[in-house]
Amino acid sequence: MKIITYPVASFVNALDLAKTVDSLGDNCAHTTCATKMGKKMSGGFKDIIASAVKYGMIKNKGGILSLTSAFKEYKLSYTPEEGKEHLIKLFLSPQLFQEIYAKYNSVGLPSPDVLEKALVREFGVPDKFATRTSTYFLNGAKYVGLLGEHNNFTSKTQPTTDVTSEQKEGTDMPHTPGLPQHESKPNDYSVQIVGPGIDTKLILTEESDFLILNAILNKVKSKLTPEKKGKIKDENPQSPA
């Protein structure tokens, strides 16, 4: 079974499930947890379990749920600031969310509609899951305090890039393809942008790709200092009318 790299439930719902497992003594059956949360043993509840595993909050083995060491570190935080740091690390546990953060942390996220297109074109998320996945990322990032105004990231947290055994166990998720590696073809046009905190390659195959490219360039432009902006203007003087 291929392991998918993104959650299929919100961070808040997954966190509620982990807190419920904690309230039940850090070890409980699926049915016990569902009853405690007032939910039925449905596909939706299984999605929450699978996503809590993806977020690195719980382990799921043989129908028994238990807390991960990462969630326990969050639970035992001494201060709200420490708790926020642990929440951010949990939120960035899914591989897809790590990749989104790595791509945009220095320039800020594009608009929601452009992000949805990027999830499909650049990250390999199936089109039917793009809107939902984009919403989970945006809402979750704001909830943990990772995303501020103007869709700029407020933290420079370095997420782990390893998929732990805890995240691999018992996902109970739909068999959805993971993230493919995109390679340009001989007749493709591609643009690579490299700079402070950014190293991204965009394959231009249709008009929507230019929306993504323009969004990235606008973010980069907004990061330039007045001196650099002036230099670029001087090096590209407009021809007299």
C-alpha atoms as a PDB file:
ATOM      1  CA  MET A   1       0.000   0.000   0.000  1.00  0.00           C
ATOM      2  CA  LYS A   2       1.381   3.392  -1.000  1.00  0.00           C
ATOM      3  CA  ILE A   3       1.548   5.872   1.880  1.00  0.00           C
ATOM      4  CA  ILE A   4       0.023   9.230   1.000  1.00  0.00           C
ATOM      5  CA  THR A   5       1.800  12.315   2.218  1.00  0.00           C
ATOM      6  CA  TYR A   6      -1.016  14.602   3.307  1.00  0.00           C
ATOM      7  CA  PRO A   7      -3.765  14.505   5.956  1.00  0.00           C
ATOM      8  CA  VAL A   8      -7.411  13.994   5.048  1.00  0.00           C
ATOM      9  CA  ALA A   9      -8.810  15.742   8.131  1.00  0.00           C
ATOM     10  CA  SER A  10      -8.160  19.090   9.771  1.00  0.00           C
ATOM     11  CA  PHE A  11      -5.425  19.693  12.326  1.00  0.00           C
ATOM     12  CA  VAL A  12      -8.001  20.795  14.921  1.00  0.00           C
ATOM     13  CA  ASN A  13     -10.044  17.590  14.567  1.00  0.00           C
ATOM     14  CA  ALA A  14      -6.885  15.493  14.817  1.00  0.00           C
ATOM     15  CA  LEU A  15      -5.808  17.432  17.907  1.00  0.00           C
ATOM     16  CA  ASP A  16      -9.223  16.875  19.512  1.00  0.00           C
ATOM     17  CA  LEU A  17      -8.847  13.150  18.897  1.00  0.00           C
ATOM     18  CA  ALA A  18      -5.368  13.074  20.449  1.00  0.00           C
ATOM     19  CA  LYS A  19      -6.639  14.966  23.502  1.00  0.00           C
ATOM     20  CA  THR A  20      -9.474  12.445  23.793  1.00  0.00           C
ATOM     21  CA  VAL A  21      -6.988   9.560  23.722  1.00  0.00           C
ATOM     22  CA  ASP A  22      -5.049  11.364  26.443  1.00  0.00           C
ATOM     23  CA  SER A  23      -8.188  11.744  28.570  1.00  0.00           C
ATOM     24  CA  LEU A  24      -8.794   7.996  28.227  1.00  0.00           C
ATOM     25  CA  GLY A  25      -5.428   7.142  29.733  1.00  0.00           C
ATOM     26  CA  ASP A  26      -3.185   7.198  26.647  1.00  0.00           C
ATOM     27  CA  ASN A  27      -4.506   3.860  25.418  1.00  0.00           C
ATOM     28  CA  CYS A  28      -7.935   3.109  24.007  1.00  0.00           C
ATOM     29  CA  ALA A  29      -9.835   1.266  21.289  1.00  0.00           C
ATOM     30  CA  HIS A  30     -11.234   3.017  18.232  1.00  0.00           C
ATOM     31  CA  THR A  31     -14.799   2.472  19.406  1.00  0.00           C
ATOM     32  CA  THR A  32     -14.078   3.852  22.888  1.00  0.00           C
ATOM     33  CA  CYS A  33     -12.547   6.992  21.419  1.00  0.00           C
ATOM     34  CA  ALA A  34     -15.432   7.475  18.985  1.00  0.00           C
ATOM     35  CA  THR A  35     -17.986   7.136  21.786  1.00  0.00           C
ATOM     36  CA  LYS A  36     -16.095   9.628  23.969  1.00  0.00           C
ATOM     37  CA  MET A  37     -16.056  12.141  21.094  1.00  0.00           C
ATOM     38  CA  GLY A  38     -19.721  11.563  20.270  1.00  0.00           C
ATOM     39  CA  LYS A  39     -18.902  10.210  16.816  1.00  0.00           C
ATOM     40  CA  LYS A  40     -19.832   7.081  14.883  1.00  0.00           C
ATOM     41  CA  MET A  41     -17.335   4.532  13.582  1.00  0.00           C
ATOM     42  CA  SER A  42     -17.549   5.888  10.054  1.00  0.00           C
ATOM     43  CA  GLY A  43     -15.148   6.600   7.237  1.00  0.00           C
ATOM     44  CA  GLY A  44     -14.936  10.191   8.442  1.00  0.00           C
ATOM     45  CA  PHE A  45     -13.794   9.103  11.902  1.00  0.00           C
ATOM     46  CA  LYS A  46     -11.198   6.790  10.383  1.00  0.00           C
ATOM     47  CA  ASP A  47      -9.932   9.748   8.349  1.00  0.00           C
ATOM     48  CA  ILE A  48      -9.420  11.706  11.576  1.00  0.00           C
ATOM     49  CA  ILE A  49      -7.472   8.791  13.073  1.00  0.00           C
ATOM     50  CA  ALA A  50      -5.339   8.491   9.943  1.00  0.00           C
ATOM     51  CA  SER A  51      -4.673  12.219   9.929  1.00  0.00           C
ATOM     52  CA  ALA A  52      -3.745  12.287  13.619  1.00  0.00           C
ATOM     53  CA  VAL A  53      -1.140   9.660  12.718  1.00  0.00           C
ATOM     54  CA  LYS A  54       0.071  11.845   9.831  1.00  0.00           C
ATOM     55  CA  TYR A  55       0.357  14.836  12.179  1.00  0.00           C
ATOM     56  CA  GLY A  56       2.525  12.718  14.468  1.00  0.00           C
ATOM     57  CA  MET A  57       0.090  12.900  17.393  1.00  0.00           C
ATOM     58  CA  ILE A  58      -0.932   9.268  17.873  1.00  0.00           C
ATOM     59  CA  LYS A  59       0.018   5.685  17.058  1.00  0.00           C
ATOM     60  CA  ASN A  60      -2.552   3.257  15.680  1.00  0.00           C
ATOM     61  CA  LYS A  61      -1.761  -0.446  16.052  1.00  0.00           C
ATOM     62  CA  GLY A  62      -4.192  -3.327  16.094  1.00  0.00           C
ATOM     63  CA  GLY A  63      -7.198  -1.090  16.646  1.00  0.00           C
ATOM     64  CA  ILE A  64      -5.595   0.550  19.699  1.00  0.00           C
ATOM     65  CA  LEU A  65      -4.754   4.258  19.810  1.00  0.00           C
ATOM     66  CA  SER A  66      -1.923   5.670  21.921  1.00  0.00           C
ATOM     67  CA  LEU A  67      -0.040   8.958  22.132  1.00  0.00           C
ATOM     68  CA  THR A  68       3.307   9.658  20.479  1.00  0.00           C
ATOM     69  CA  SER A  69       6.287  11.095  22.312  1.00  0.00           C
ATOM     70  CA  ALA A  70       5.905  14.256  20.193  1.00  0.00           C
ATOM     71  CA  PHE A  71       2.368  14.837  21.477  1.00  0.00           C
ATOM     72  CA  LYS A  72       3.480  14.165  25.045  1.00  0.00           C
ATOM     73  CA  GLU A  73       6.175  16.832  24.654  1.00  0.00           C
ATOM     74  CA  TYR A  74       3.452  19.266  23.590  1.00  0.00           C
ATOM     75  CA  LYS A  75       1.249  18.211  26.494  1.00  0.00           C
ATOM     76  CA  LEU A  76       4.079  18.762  29.005  1.00  0.00           C
ATOM     77  CA  SER A  77       5.132  22.181  27.690  1.00  0.00           C
ATOM     78  CA  TYR A  78       6.125  24.573  30.473  1.00  0.00           C
ATOM     79  CA  THR A  79       5.024  27.761  28.714  1.00  0.00           C
ATOM     80  CA  PRO A  80       2.575  28.784  25.972  1.00  0.00           C
ATOM     81  CA  GLU A  81       5.566  29.672  23.789  1.00  0.00           C
ATOM     82  CA  GLU A  82       7.019  26.178  24.157  1.00  0.00           C
ATOM     83  CA  GLY A  83       3.605  24.691  23.477  1.00  0.00           C
ATOM     84  CA  LYS A  84       3.343  26.726  20.274  1.00  0.00           C
ATOM     85  CA  GLU A  85       6.713  25.406  19.092  1.00  0.00           C
ATOM     86  CA  HIS A  86       5.588  21.815  19.635  1.00  0.00           C
ATOM     87  CA  LEU A  87       2.245  22.471  17.897  1.00  0.00           C
ATOM     88  CA  ILE A  88       4.056  23.857  14.854  1.00  0.00           C
ATOM     89  CA  LYS A  89       6.273  20.775  14.711  1.00  0.00           C
ATOM     90  CA  LEU A  90       3.209  18.525  14.867  1.00  0.00           C
ATOM     91  CA  PHE A  91       1.484  20.536  12.146  1.00  0.00           C
ATOM     92  CA  LEU A  92       4.521  20.230   9.874  1.00  0.00           C
ATOM     93  CA  SER A  93       4.823  16.474  10.358  1.00  0.00           C
ATOM     94  CA  PRO A  94       3.016  15.524   7.093  1.00  0.00           C
ATOM     95  CA  GLN A  95       5.489  15.387   4.201  1.00  0.00           C
ATOM     96  CA  LEU A  96       3.315  17.549   1.948  1.00  0.00           C
ATOM     97  CA  PHE A  97       3.060  20.299   4.564  1.00  0.00           C
ATOM     98  CA  GLN A  98       6.843  20.204   4.983  1.00  0.00           C
ATOM     99  CA  GLU A  99       7.234  20.679   1.229  1.00  0.00           C
ATOM    100  CA  ILE A 100       4.739  23.562   1.087  1.00  0.00           C
ATOM    101  CA  TYR A 101       6.526  25.285   3.970  1.00  0.00           C
ATOM    102  CA  ALA A 102       9.956  24.743   2.411  1.00  0.00           C
ATOM    103  CA  LYS A 103       8.790  26.233  -0.900  1.00  0.00           C
ATOM    104  CA  TYR A 104       7.036  29.319   0.453  1.00  0.00           C
ATOM    105  CA  ASN A 105       8.505  30.097   3.891  1.00  0.00           C
ATOM    106  CA  SER A 106      10.713  32.915   2.587  1.00  0.00           C
ATOM    107  CA  VAL A 107       8.244  34.519   0.181  1.00  0.00           C
ATOM    108  CA  GLY A 108       4.829  33.821   1.734  1.00  0.00           C
ATOM    109  CA  LEU A 109       1.951  31.739   0.426  1.00  0.00           C
ATOM    110  CA  PRO A 110       0.212  32.676  -2.825  1.00  0.00           C
ATOM    111  CA  SER A 111      -3.536  33.307  -2.880  1.00  0.00           C
ATOM    112  CA  PRO A 112      -5.747  30.313  -1.989  1.00  0.00           C
ATOM    113  CA  ASP A 113      -6.804  29.688  -5.596  1.00  0.00           C
ATOM    114  CA  VAL A 114      -3.194  29.757  -6.817  1.00  0.00           C
ATOM    115  CA  LEU A 115      -2.145  27.486  -3.930  1.00  0.00           C
ATOM    116  CA  GLU A 116      -4.782  24.954  -4.991  1.00  0.00           C
ATOM    117  CA  LYS A 117      -3.384  24.940  -8.528  1.00  0.00           C
ATOM    118  CA  ALA A 118       0.158  24.595  -7.165  1.00  0.00           C
ATOM    119  CA  LEU A 119      -0.876  21.587  -5.060  1.00  0.00           C
ATOM    120  CA  VAL A 120      -1.978  19.809  -8.223  1.00  0.00           C
ATOM    121  CA  ARG A 121       0.693  21.044 -10.635  1.00  0.00           C
ATOM    122  CA  GLU A 122       3.753  21.154  -8.374  1.00  0.00           C
ATOM    123  CA  PHE A 123       3.008  18.813  -5.458  1.00  0.00           C
ATOM    124  CA  GLY A 124       1.033  16.040  -7.151  1.00  0.00           C
ATOM    125  CA  VAL A 125      -2.142  16.277  -5.061  1.00  0.00           C
ATOM    126  CA  PRO A 126      -5.134  14.834  -6.962  1.00  0.00           C
ATOM    127  CA  ASP A 127      -7.372  17.623  -8.228  1.00  0.00           C
ATOM    128  CA  LYS A 128     -10.394  16.391  -6.263  1.00  0.00           C
ATOM    129  CA  PHE A 129      -8.453  16.780  -2.984  1.00  0.00           C
ATOM    130  CA  ALA A 130      -6.739  20.118  -3.746  1.00  0.00           C
ATOM    131  CA  THR A 131      -9.337  22.492  -2.271  1.00  0.00           C
ATOM    132  CA  ARG A 132      -9.732  20.465   0.909  1.00  0.00           C
ATOM    133  CA  THR A 133      -5.983  20.020   1.375  1.00  0.00           C
ATOM    134  CA  SER A 134      -5.348  23.735   0.802  1.00  0.00           C
ATOM    135  CA  THR A 135      -7.973  24.580   3.422  1.00  0.00           C
ATOM    136  CA  TYR A 136      -6.444  22.160   5.935  1.00  0.00           C
ATOM    137  CA  PHE A 137      -3.028  23.751   5.443  1.00  0.00           C
ATOM    138  CA  LEU A 138      -4.208  27.369   5.652  1.00  0.00           C
ATOM    139  CA  ASN A 139      -6.506  26.872   8.647  1.00  0.00           C
ATOM    140  CA  GLY A 140      -4.007  24.672  10.475  1.00  0.00           C
ATOM    141  CA  ALA A 141      -1.102  27.073   9.896  1.00  0.00           C
ATOM    142  CA  LYS A 142      -3.159  29.952  11.285  1.00  0.00           C
ATOM    143  CA  TYR A 143      -4.344  27.881  14.253  1.00  0.00           C
ATOM    144  CA  VAL A 144      -0.815  27.003  15.401  1.00  0.00           C
ATOM    145  CA  GLY A 145       0.407  30.559  14.812  1.00  0.00           C
ATOM    146  CA  LEU A 146       2.665  29.690  11.875  1.00  0.00           C
ATOM    147  CA  LEU A 147       0.872  31.923   9.374  1.00  0.00           C
ATOM    148  CA  GLY A 148       0.330  35.629   9.968  1.00  0.00           C
ATOM    149  CA  GLU A 149      -1.095  38.533   8.003  1.00  0.00           C
ATOM    150  CA  HIS A 150      -0.710  38.607   4.236  1.00  0.00           C
ATOM    151  CA  ASN A 151      -0.066  34.829   4.293  1.00  0.00           C
ATOM    152  CA  ASN A 152       3.505  35.328   5.525  1.00  0.00           C
ATOM    153  CA  PHE A 153       5.041  32.729   7.815  1.00  0.00           C
ATOM    154  CA  THR A 154       5.827  33.942  11.331  1.00  0.00           C
ATOM    155  CA  SER A 155       8.284  31.181  12.257  1.00  0.00           C
ATOM    156  CA  LYS A 156      11.481  29.794  10.755  1.00  0.00           C
ATOM    157  CA  THR A 157      10.944  26.348  12.248  1.00  0.00           C
ATOM    158  CA  GLN A 158      12.915  23.613  10.514  1.00  0.00           C
ATOM    159  CA  PRO A 159      10.535  20.636  10.151  1.00  0.00           C
ATOM    160  CA  THR A 160      11.831  17.102  10.278  1.00  0.00           C
ATOM    161  CA  THR A 161      12.055  15.487   6.863  1.00  0.00           C
ATOM    162  CA  ASP A 162      11.918  11.903   8.149  1.00  0.00           C
ATOM    163  CA  VAL A 163       8.706   9.880   8.140  1.00  0.00           C
ATOM    164  CA  THR A 164       8.692   8.111  11.488  1.00  0.00           C
ATOM    165  CA  SER A 165       7.490   4.578  12.081  1.00  0.00           C
ATOM    166  CA  GLU A 166       4.699   6.085  14.176  1.00  0.00           C
ATOM    167  CA  GLN A 167       3.401   7.920  11.094  1.00  0.00           C
ATOM    168  CA  LYS A 168       3.605   4.789   8.923  1.00  0.00           C
ATOM    169  CA  GLU A 169       1.495   2.611  11.202  1.00  0.00           C
ATOM    170  CA  GLY A 170      -2.214   1.948  10.635  1.00  0.00           C
ATOM    171  CA  THR A 171      -3.204   4.929   8.544  1.00  0.00           C
ATOM    172  CA  ASP A 172      -6.617   3.555   7.476  1.00  0.00           C
ATOM    173  CA  MET A 173      -6.521   6.046   4.606  1.00  0.00           C
ATOM    174  CA  PRO A 174      -7.871   5.912   1.059  1.00  0.00           C
ATOM    175  CA  HIS A 175      -5.383   4.481  -1.430  1.00  0.00           C
ATOM    176  CA  THR A 176      -4.523   7.845  -2.919  1.00  0.00           C
ATOM    177  CA  PRO A 177      -1.314   8.309  -4.922  1.00  0.00           C
ATOM    178  CA  GLY A 178       1.530  10.058  -3.167  1.00  0.00           C
ATOM    179  CA  LEU A 179       3.595  12.945  -4.475  1.00  0.00           C
ATOM    180  CA  PRO A 180       5.365  12.191  -7.755  1.00  0.00           C
ATOM    181  CA  GLN A 181       8.658  13.767  -8.683  1.00  0.00           C
ATOM    182  CA  HIS A 182       8.081  16.225 -11.534  1.00  0.00           C
ATOM    183  CA  GLU A 183      10.698  16.289 -14.281  1.00  0.00           C
ATOM    184  CA  SER A 184      10.730  18.559 -17.294  1.00  0.00           C
ATOM    185  CA  LYS A 185      10.425  17.030 -20.749  1.00  0.00           C
ATOM    186  CA  PRO A 186      12.619  18.041 -23.718  1.00  0.00           C
ATOM    187  CA  ASN A 187       9.929  20.331 -25.174  1.00  0.00           C
ATOM    188  CA  ASP A 188       8.856  21.866 -21.849  1.00  0.00           C
ATOM    189  CA  TYR A 189       9.636  25.399 -20.724  1.00  0.00           C
ATOM    190  CA  SER A 190      10.827  25.646 -17.125  1.00  0.00           C
ATOM    191  CA  VAL A 191      11.821  28.451 -14.762  1.00  0.00           C
ATOM    192  CA  GLN A 192      14.026  27.953 -11.711  1.00  0.00           C
ATOM    193  CA  ILE A 193      14.158  30.588  -8.964  1.00  0.00           C
ATOM    194  CA  VAL A 194      17.004  30.374  -6.476  1.00  0.00           C
ATOM    195  CA  GLY A 195      17.658  32.828  -3.660  1.00  0.00           C
ATOM    196  CA  PRO A 196      17.641  33.300   0.120  1.00  0.00           C
ATOM    197  CA  GLY A 197      15.392  30.547   1.452  1.00  0.00           C
ATOM    198  CA  ILE A 198      13.993  29.579  -1.942  1.00  0.00           C
ATOM    199  CA  ASP A 199      14.976  27.020  -4.568  1.00  0.00           C
ATOM    200  CA  THR A 200      12.024  26.131  -6.763  1.00  0.00           C
ATOM    201  CA  LYS A 201      11.541  24.940 -10.328  1.00  0.00           C
ATOM    202  CA  LEU A 202       8.299  25.530 -12.189  1.00  0.00           C
ATOM    203  CA  ILE A 203       7.339  23.678 -15.367  1.00  0.00           C
ATOM    204  CA  LEU A 204       5.304  25.921 -17.692  1.00  0.00           C
ATOM    205  CA  THR A 205       2.795  23.822 -19.609  1.00  0.00           C
ATOM    206  CA  GLU A 206      -0.432  25.810 -19.407  1.00  0.00           C
ATOM    207  CA  GLU A 207      -1.732  29.303 -18.651  1.00  0.00           C
ATOM    208  CA  SER A 208      -2.416  28.631 -14.959  1.00  0.00           C
ATOM    209  CA  ASP A 209       1.304  27.973 -14.425  1.00  0.00           C
ATOM    210  CA  PHE A 210       2.004  31.623 -15.236  1.00  0.00           C
ATOM    211  CA  LEU A 211      -0.337  32.666 -12.409  1.00  0.00           C
ATOM    212  CA  ILE A 212       1.782  30.630 -10.011  1.00  0.00           C
ATOM    213  CA  LEU A 213       5.002  32.062 -11.471  1.00  0.00           C
ATOM    214  CA  ASN A 214       3.739  35.652 -11.196  1.00  0.00           C
ATOM    215  CA  ALA A 215       2.632  35.064  -7.606  1.00  0.00           C
ATOM    216  CA  ILE A 216       6.099  33.792  -6.669  1.00  0.00           C
ATOM    217  CA  LEU A 217       7.838  36.673  -8.481  1.00  0.00           C
ATOM    218  CA  ASN A 218       5.607  39.234  -6.758  1.00  0.00           C
ATOM    219  CA  LYS A 219       6.484  37.738  -3.379  1.00  0.00           C
ATOM    220  CA  VAL A 220      10.189  37.863  -4.222  1.00  0.00           C
ATOM    221  CA  LYS A 221       9.837  41.458  -5.407  1.00  0.00           C
ATOM    222  CA  SER A 222       8.182  42.448  -2.122  1.00  0.00           C
ATOM    223  CA  LYS A 223      11.202  41.071  -0.239  1.00  0.00           C
ATOM    224  CA  LEU A 224      13.724  43.210  -2.119  1.00  0.00           C
ATOM    225  CA  THR A 225      15.225  46.165  -0.256  1.00  0.00           C
ATOM    226  CA  PRO A 226      14.722  49.673  -1.705  1.00  0.00           C
ATOM    227  CA  GLU A 227      18.402  49.659  -2.729  1.00  0.00           C
ATOM    228  CA  LYS A 228      18.011  46.429  -4.713  1.00  0.00           C
ATOM    229  CA  LYS A 229      14.796  47.656  -6.316  1.00  0.00           C
ATOM    230  CA  GLY A 230      16.573  50.840  -7.421  1.00  0.00           C
ATOM    231  CA  LYS A 231      19.463  48.849  -8.845  1.00  0.00           C
ATOM    232  CA  ILE A 232      17.122  46.682 -10.889  1.00  0.00           C
ATOM    233  CA  LYS A 233      15.377  49.806 -12.190  1.00  0.00           C
ATOM    234  CA  ASP A 234      18.711  51.425 -13.140  1.00  0.00           C
ATOM    235  CA  GLU A 235      19.854  48.290 -14.966  1.00  0.00           C
ATOM    236  CA  ASN A 236      16.629  48.199 -16.971  1.00  0.00           C
ATOM    237  CA  PRO A 237      15.997  51.807 -18.094  1.00  0.00           C
ATOM    238  CA  GLN A 238      12.935  52.403 -20.193  1.00  0.00           C
ATOM    239  CA  SER A 239      13.466  53.582 -23.742  1.00  0.00           C
ATOM    240  CA  PRO A 240      12.430  57.197 -24.352  1.00  0.00           C
ATOM    241  CA  ALA A 241       9.096  57.624 -26.094  1.00  0.00           C
END
